[in-house]
Amino acid sequence: MEAGGFDSVQALFIALGMIGAEIYTSNYHKAGQLFWDKPGSGYGFPVAPTLRDLLIGDDTKFV
């Protein structure tokens, strides 16, 4: 995949959102096999508003 934007900051934000979308829609997340620091704490990547119902742990606090 590719991410682009008007400037480098926008491109970075879009890329991070794409990573978050990939993680939260992955089969590993659905199966509970994916975690960062500890199981169920979230991953720390932003997601689009349409995916916010999938957020878990600390990620739900920073919506």
Protein backbone atom coordinates (compact mmCIF):
# COMPACT_ATOMS: atom_id res chain seq x y z
CA MET A 1 0.00 0.00 0.00
CA GLU A 2 0.97 3.60 -0.38
CA ALA A 3 0.07 6.70 1.60
CA GLY A 4 0.39 10.22 0.32
CA GLY A 5 -0.73 13.63 1.41
CA PHE A 6 -0.49 17.35 0.87
CA ASP A 7 2.64 17.43 3.04
CA SER A 8 4.80 14.98 4.95
CA VAL A 9 2.81 15.30 8.19
CA GLN A 10 -0.46 14.46 6.47
CA ALA A 11 1.17 11.53 4.67
CA LEU A 12 2.51 10.21 7.97
CA PHE A 13 -0.89 10.51 9.67
CA ILE A 14 -2.58 8.69 6.78
CA ALA A 15 0.08 5.94 6.87
CA LEU A 16 -0.39 5.44 10.62
CA GLY A 17 -4.16 5.21 10.11
CA MET A 18 -3.63 2.59 7.42
CA ILE A 19 -1.48 0.57 9.82
CA GLY A 20 -4.18 0.83 12.49
CA ALA A 21 -6.83 -0.33 10.03
CA GLU A 22 -4.70 -3.30 8.97
CA ILE A 23 -4.08 -4.31 12.58
CA TYR A 24 -7.65 -3.95 13.82
CA THR A 25 -9.16 -5.80 10.85
CA SER A 26 -6.60 -8.61 10.86
CA ASN A 27 -7.46 -12.19 11.66
CA TYR A 28 -4.81 -12.12 14.40
CA HIS A 29 -6.66 -9.33 16.21
CA LYS A 30 -10.01 -11.08 15.77
CA ALA A 31 -8.54 -14.28 17.22
CA GLY A 32 -6.93 -12.43 20.15
CA GLN A 33 -3.43 -13.51 19.10
CA LEU A 34 -2.06 -10.01 18.58
CA PHE A 35 -0.88 -7.70 21.35
CA TRP A 36 1.70 -4.99 21.93
CA ASP A 37 2.61 -4.59 25.61
CA LYS A 38 0.09 -6.92 27.21
CA PRO A 39 -2.98 -8.68 25.84
CA GLY A 40 -6.02 -6.45 25.48
CA SER A 41 -4.22 -3.13 25.98
CA GLY A 42 -4.45 -1.87 22.37
CA TYR A 43 -1.83 -1.05 19.77
CA GLY A 44 -1.40 2.73 19.80
CA PHE A 45 -2.32 3.43 16.17
CA PRO A 46 -5.09 5.79 15.06
CA VAL A 47 -8.04 4.41 13.11
CA ALA A 48 -10.79 5.94 11.01
CA PRO A 49 -14.06 6.76 12.82
CA THR A 50 -15.77 3.84 11.06
CA LEU A 51 -13.41 1.38 12.80
CA ARG A 52 -13.53 2.84 16.31
CA ASP A 53 -15.96 0.15 17.49
CA LEU A 54 -13.06 -2.33 17.12
CA LEU A 55 -10.75 -0.47 19.54
CA ILE A 56 -9.66 -2.22 22.72
CA GLY A 57 -7.88 -1.33 25.94
CA ASP A 58 -6.03 1.98 26.17
CA ASP A 59 -6.92 2.81 22.55
CA THR A 60 -10.54 3.42 23.60
CA LYS A 61 -9.43 6.24 25.93
CA PHE A 62 -7.90 8.40 23.21
CA VAL A 63 -10.71 8.47 20.65
